[in-house]
């Protein structure tokens, strides 16, 4: 059974000492990567907000921090990223839009919108998804994107979720090979089952958001990552690994 690592919402900035709400994001990602060395993973998924400022230096730092794991990587943009900068400053083989892991296909969909916090999947990207899903010879499919396609119960973050989620589900409906949807953006653990479809949101490698919160609020939880196990029969199981220590958080205010 293959295992894959998900690192999300890393929020690396141009400044090596850059922090988000008091957490040094380079240090927290480095610590997550070091903890992840214990796993026998086959692949890494980076599900958006990789940079906080879309700078060349931030993407270079991300590449440098991830490289010691010596694993293939698939990456997508979040609302803090700039897709063109990712294409310019990250390895092209990180940005192919899909990867095959045994009898699984991980389909990476771009939900980022320039200068907007909410998500939207373009018609072109939806057409690509439909074509790939219809033509793949893989037995199972995991959809990966940045923005949540379903509400997670916090009105402030659900206001900037995937705006055309119904279009995505329209593409996925009727395809039994599609086993799960994996996303970031929400900085918290979220799991929901819709029939045979597992919908999974994950905590950040830096700060976590308080769940079921009307307004922006931080959860006093350490940086984390998710390890997913993809069974050949289509089942998905996963674990979240939190760092033992966390840096002090700044007061709750919009990030």
Protein backbone atom coordinates (compact mmCIF):
# COMPACT_ATOMS: atom_id res chain seq x y z
CA UNK A 1 0.00 0.00 0.00
CA UNK A 2 1.68 3.26 -1.08
CA UNK A 3 1.89 6.19 1.30
CA UNK A 4 2.12 9.84 0.29
CA UNK A 5 3.03 12.96 2.24
CA UNK A 6 0.94 16.11 2.07
CA UNK A 7 2.56 19.39 3.04
CA UNK A 8 0.23 22.33 2.67
CA UNK A 9 0.05 26.06 3.37
CA UNK A 10 3.77 26.35 4.03
CA UNK A 11 3.68 30.16 3.58
CA UNK A 12 7.41 30.58 2.95
CA UNK A 13 8.44 34.23 2.51
CA UNK A 14 11.39 36.09 1.01
CA UNK A 15 12.87 36.68 4.48
CA UNK A 16 14.69 33.64 5.95
CA UNK A 17 13.48 34.82 9.36
CA UNK A 18 9.98 35.53 8.09
CA UNK A 19 7.13 34.59 10.40
CA UNK A 20 3.39 34.10 10.12
CA UNK A 21 1.57 34.94 13.36
CA UNK A 22 4.83 34.43 15.23
CA UNK A 23 5.83 31.13 13.58
CA UNK A 24 8.97 31.03 11.44
CA UNK A 25 7.58 29.25 8.40
CA UNK A 26 10.90 28.00 7.04
CA UNK A 27 11.80 26.51 10.40
CA UNK A 28 8.39 24.89 10.86
CA UNK A 29 8.46 23.30 7.40
CA UNK A 30 12.02 22.10 7.97
CA UNK A 31 10.94 20.49 11.23
CA UNK A 32 7.98 18.80 9.49
CA UNK A 33 10.28 17.47 6.78
CA UNK A 34 12.69 16.13 9.38
CA UNK A 35 9.84 14.39 11.20
CA UNK A 36 8.59 12.93 7.91
CA UNK A 37 11.93 11.18 7.33
CA UNK A 38 10.54 8.34 9.47
CA UNK A 39 8.00 7.32 6.83
CA UNK A 40 8.48 5.13 3.77
CA UNK A 41 6.53 7.44 1.49
CA UNK A 42 6.37 7.23 -2.29
CA UNK A 43 5.48 10.82 -3.17
CA UNK A 44 4.96 14.35 -1.85
CA UNK A 45 1.88 16.49 -2.55
CA UNK A 46 2.19 20.25 -2.03
CA UNK A 47 -1.34 21.65 -2.01
CA UNK A 48 -0.93 25.39 -2.27
CA UNK A 49 -0.01 28.57 -0.43
CA UNK A 50 3.53 27.31 -0.76
CA UNK A 51 4.81 30.88 -0.71
CA UNK A 52 3.38 33.78 1.26
CA UNK A 53 4.67 36.42 -1.15
CA UNK A 54 5.28 34.49 -4.42
CA UNK A 55 8.94 35.54 -4.41
CA UNK A 56 11.75 33.74 -6.21
CA UNK A 57 13.58 33.36 -2.90
CA UNK A 58 10.60 31.72 -1.20
CA UNK A 59 10.21 29.08 -3.91
CA UNK A 60 13.96 28.43 -3.88
CA UNK A 61 13.80 27.94 -0.12
CA UNK A 62 10.82 25.58 -0.47
CA UNK A 63 12.75 23.48 -2.98
CA UNK A 64 15.80 23.39 -0.73
CA UNK A 65 13.80 22.33 2.33
CA UNK A 66 11.83 19.59 0.52
CA UNK A 67 14.76 18.11 -1.43
CA UNK A 68 16.32 16.08 1.45
CA UNK A 69 13.30 13.74 1.41
CA UNK A 70 14.49 12.60 -2.03
CA UNK A 71 10.95 11.92 -3.27
CA UNK A 72 9.02 12.93 -6.38
CA UNK A 73 6.86 16.01 -5.84
CA UNK A 74 3.57 17.29 -7.27
CA UNK A 75 2.63 20.89 -6.50
CA UNK A 76 -0.31 23.21 -7.07
CA UNK A 77 -0.89 26.90 -6.39
CA UNK A 78 -2.89 28.51 -3.61
CA UNK A 79 -4.24 32.02 -3.31
CA UNK A 80 -0.91 33.34 -1.98
CA UNK A 81 1.02 31.84 -4.89
CA UNK A 82 1.47 33.15 -8.41
CA UNK A 83 1.25 30.31 -10.91
CA UNK A 84 3.61 31.96 -13.39
CA UNK A 85 6.21 32.38 -10.65
CA UNK A 86 5.86 28.73 -9.68
CA UNK A 87 6.47 27.73 -13.29
CA UNK A 88 9.51 29.99 -13.42
CA UNK A 89 11.11 29.18 -10.08
CA UNK A 90 10.14 25.56 -9.29
CA UNK A 91 11.19 22.38 -11.13
CA UNK A 92 8.91 21.68 -14.07
CA UNK A 93 8.49 18.05 -13.03
CA UNK A 94 6.76 19.31 -9.87
CA UNK A 95 4.07 20.94 -12.01
CA UNK A 96 2.91 18.25 -14.45
CA UNK A 97 -0.66 18.28 -13.13
CA UNK A 98 -0.84 14.59 -12.30
CA UNK A 99 1.14 11.67 -10.95
CA UNK A 100 0.78 7.90 -10.96
CA UNK A 101 1.42 5.93 -7.77
CA UNK A 102 0.88 2.19 -8.27
CA UNK A 103 -2.78 1.89 -9.37
CA UNK A 104 -3.65 5.44 -8.24
CA UNK A 105 -3.81 8.69 -10.18
CA UNK A 106 -3.37 11.93 -8.23
CA UNK A 107 -4.93 14.69 -10.33
CA UNK A 108 -3.71 18.17 -9.37
CA UNK A 109 -6.22 20.94 -10.16
CA UNK A 110 -5.42 24.65 -10.08
CA UNK A 111 -8.08 26.54 -8.11
CA UNK A 112 -6.10 29.76 -7.64
CA UNK A 113 -7.41 33.07 -8.98
CA UNK A 114 -5.02 35.97 -9.52
CA UNK A 115 -5.29 38.57 -6.74
CA UNK A 116 -8.26 36.79 -5.15
CA UNK A 117 -8.54 34.74 -1.95
CA UNK A 118 -11.38 32.51 -3.11
CA UNK A 119 -10.96 29.57 -5.45
CA UNK A 120 -12.29 28.94 -8.94
CA UNK A 121 -11.43 26.17 -11.40
CA UNK A 122 -11.35 27.44 -14.97
CA UNK A 123 -13.34 25.83 -17.76
CA UNK A 124 -10.07 24.76 -19.35
CA UNK A 125 -8.94 23.07 -16.15
CA UNK A 126 -12.32 21.35 -15.74
CA UNK A 127 -12.11 20.07 -19.32
CA UNK A 128 -8.63 18.73 -18.61
CA UNK A 129 -9.91 16.98 -15.49
CA UNK A 130 -12.79 15.42 -17.39
CA UNK A 131 -10.49 14.18 -20.13
CA UNK A 132 -7.96 12.71 -17.71
CA UNK A 133 -10.64 10.99 -15.62
CA UNK A 134 -12.32 9.53 -18.69
CA UNK A 135 -9.08 8.26 -20.22
CA UNK A 136 -6.98 7.08 -17.29
CA UNK A 137 -6.12 3.41 -17.00
CA UNK A 138 -5.52 3.77 -13.27
CA UNK A 139 -8.02 2.07 -10.96
CA UNK A 140 -8.35 4.88 -8.41
CA UNK A 141 -8.23 8.68 -8.53
CA UNK A 142 -7.41 11.25 -5.83
CA UNK A 143 -8.34 14.84 -6.71
CA UNK A 144 -6.00 17.46 -5.21
CA UNK A 145 -6.60 21.21 -5.07
CA UNK A 146 -6.01 24.12 -2.71
CA UNK A 147 -9.47 25.47 -1.88
CA UNK A 148 -12.10 23.46 -0.02
CA UNK A 149 -14.97 22.29 -2.29
CA UNK A 150 -17.36 21.94 0.67
CA UNK A 151 -17.96 24.18 3.69
CA UNK A 152 -15.87 23.26 6.72
CA UNK A 153 -18.04 25.07 9.26
CA UNK A 154 -16.13 28.33 9.67
CA UNK A 155 -18.04 31.10 7.84
CA UNK A 156 -15.02 33.37 7.38
CA UNK A 157 -12.95 30.73 5.52
CA UNK A 158 -15.99 29.22 3.78
CA UNK A 159 -16.60 32.65 2.23
CA UNK A 160 -13.38 32.12 0.26
CA UNK A 161 -13.80 28.44 -0.60
CA UNK A 162 -14.03 27.03 -4.14
CA UNK A 163 -16.70 29.20 -5.77
CA UNK A 164 -17.66 26.74 -8.52
CA UNK A 165 -17.61 23.55 -6.49
CA UNK A 166 -20.78 22.37 -8.21
CA UNK A 167 -18.90 22.40 -11.53
CA UNK A 168 -16.16 20.23 -10.05
CA UNK A 169 -18.64 17.75 -8.61
CA UNK A 170 -20.41 17.75 -11.97
CA UNK A 171 -17.20 16.47 -13.54
CA UNK A 172 -16.66 13.89 -10.80
CA UNK A 173 -20.22 12.58 -10.52
CA UNK A 174 -20.70 9.09 -11.88
CA UNK A 175 -17.01 8.21 -11.86
CA UNK A 176 -16.55 5.44 -9.34
CA UNK A 177 -12.78 5.61 -9.77
CA UNK A 178 -12.72 8.97 -7.98
CA UNK A 179 -12.08 7.99 -4.36
CA UNK A 180 -11.19 11.24 -2.66
CA UNK A 181 -10.64 14.99 -2.73
CA UNK A 182 -7.65 16.41 -0.87
CA UNK A 183 -7.17 20.11 -0.15
CA UNK A 184 -5.40 22.71 1.98
CA UNK A 185 -6.42 26.35 2.57
CA UNK A 186 -8.34 25.68 5.80
CA UNK A 187 -5.32 25.14 8.09
CA UNK A 188 -7.12 22.41 10.05
CA UNK A 189 -8.05 18.76 9.98
CA UNK A 190 -11.32 18.17 8.15
CA UNK A 191 -12.79 14.87 7.01
CA UNK A 192 -16.17 14.19 5.47
CA UNK A 193 -17.59 11.20 3.66
CA UNK A 194 -19.99 11.71 0.74
CA UNK A 195 -21.00 8.22 -0.28
CA UNK A 196 -17.79 6.51 -1.37
CA UNK A 197 -15.96 9.85 -1.71
CA UNK A 198 -13.55 10.90 1.05
CA UNK A 199 -13.19 14.69 1.37
CA UNK A 200 -10.06 15.62 3.31
CA UNK A 201 -8.65 18.97 4.42
CA UNK A 202 -5.36 19.23 6.23
CA UNK A 203 -3.50 21.34 8.78
CA UNK A 204 -0.69 23.65 7.79
CA UNK A 205 3.04 23.22 8.29
CA UNK A 206 2.97 26.54 10.18
CA UNK A 207 -0.21 27.90 11.88
CA UNK A 208 -3.61 26.30 12.42
CA UNK A 209 -7.05 27.92 12.27
CA UNK A 210 -9.63 27.33 14.97
CA UNK A 211 -12.39 25.05 13.69
CA UNK A 212 -16.07 26.07 13.68
CA UNK A 213 -15.16 29.73 14.11
CA UNK A 214 -17.31 32.57 12.79
CA UNK A 215 -14.34 34.93 12.52
CA UNK A 216 -10.63 34.38 11.98
CA UNK A 217 -9.10 32.72 15.03
CA UNK A 218 -6.00 30.65 15.64
CA UNK A 219 -5.96 27.18 17.15
CA UNK A 220 -3.15 26.51 19.59
CA UNK A 221 -1.91 23.51 17.67
CA UNK A 222 1.58 22.85 16.38
CA UNK A 223 2.66 22.72 12.71
CA UNK A 224 1.67 19.47 11.04
CA UNK A 225 1.45 17.37 7.89
CA UNK A 226 -0.70 14.48 6.69
CA UNK A 227 0.43 11.00 5.68
CA UNK A 228 -2.06 9.24 3.41
CA UNK A 229 -2.24 5.52 2.73
CA UNK A 230 -3.75 4.57 -0.63
CA UNK A 231 -5.06 1.01 -0.71
CA UNK A 232 -5.18 -0.77 -4.03
CA UNK A 233 -8.90 -1.40 -3.47
CA UNK A 234 -9.57 2.36 -3.39
CA UNK A 235 -9.72 2.91 0.35
CA UNK A 236 -7.97 5.98 1.77
CA UNK A 237 -6.70 6.20 5.33
CA UNK A 238 -4.47 8.86 6.82
CA UNK A 239 -2.69 10.17 9.89
CA UNK A 240 -1.74 13.68 10.97
CA UNK A 241 1.64 14.27 12.54
CA UNK A 242 2.02 17.38 14.71
CA UNK A 243 5.38 18.70 15.85
CA UNK A 244 6.11 18.25 19.54
CA UNK A 245 6.85 21.93 19.99
CA UNK A 246 5.25 25.08 18.67
CA UNK A 247 6.38 28.68 18.62
CA UNK A 248 4.35 31.35 20.38
CA UNK A 249 1.43 32.73 18.41
CA UNK A 250 0.56 36.36 17.88
CA UNK A 251 -2.95 37.63 18.74
CA UNK A 252 -5.83 36.63 16.49
CA UNK A 253 -6.09 38.99 13.57
CA UNK A 254 -6.38 38.47 9.85
CA UNK A 255 -3.27 36.91 8.36
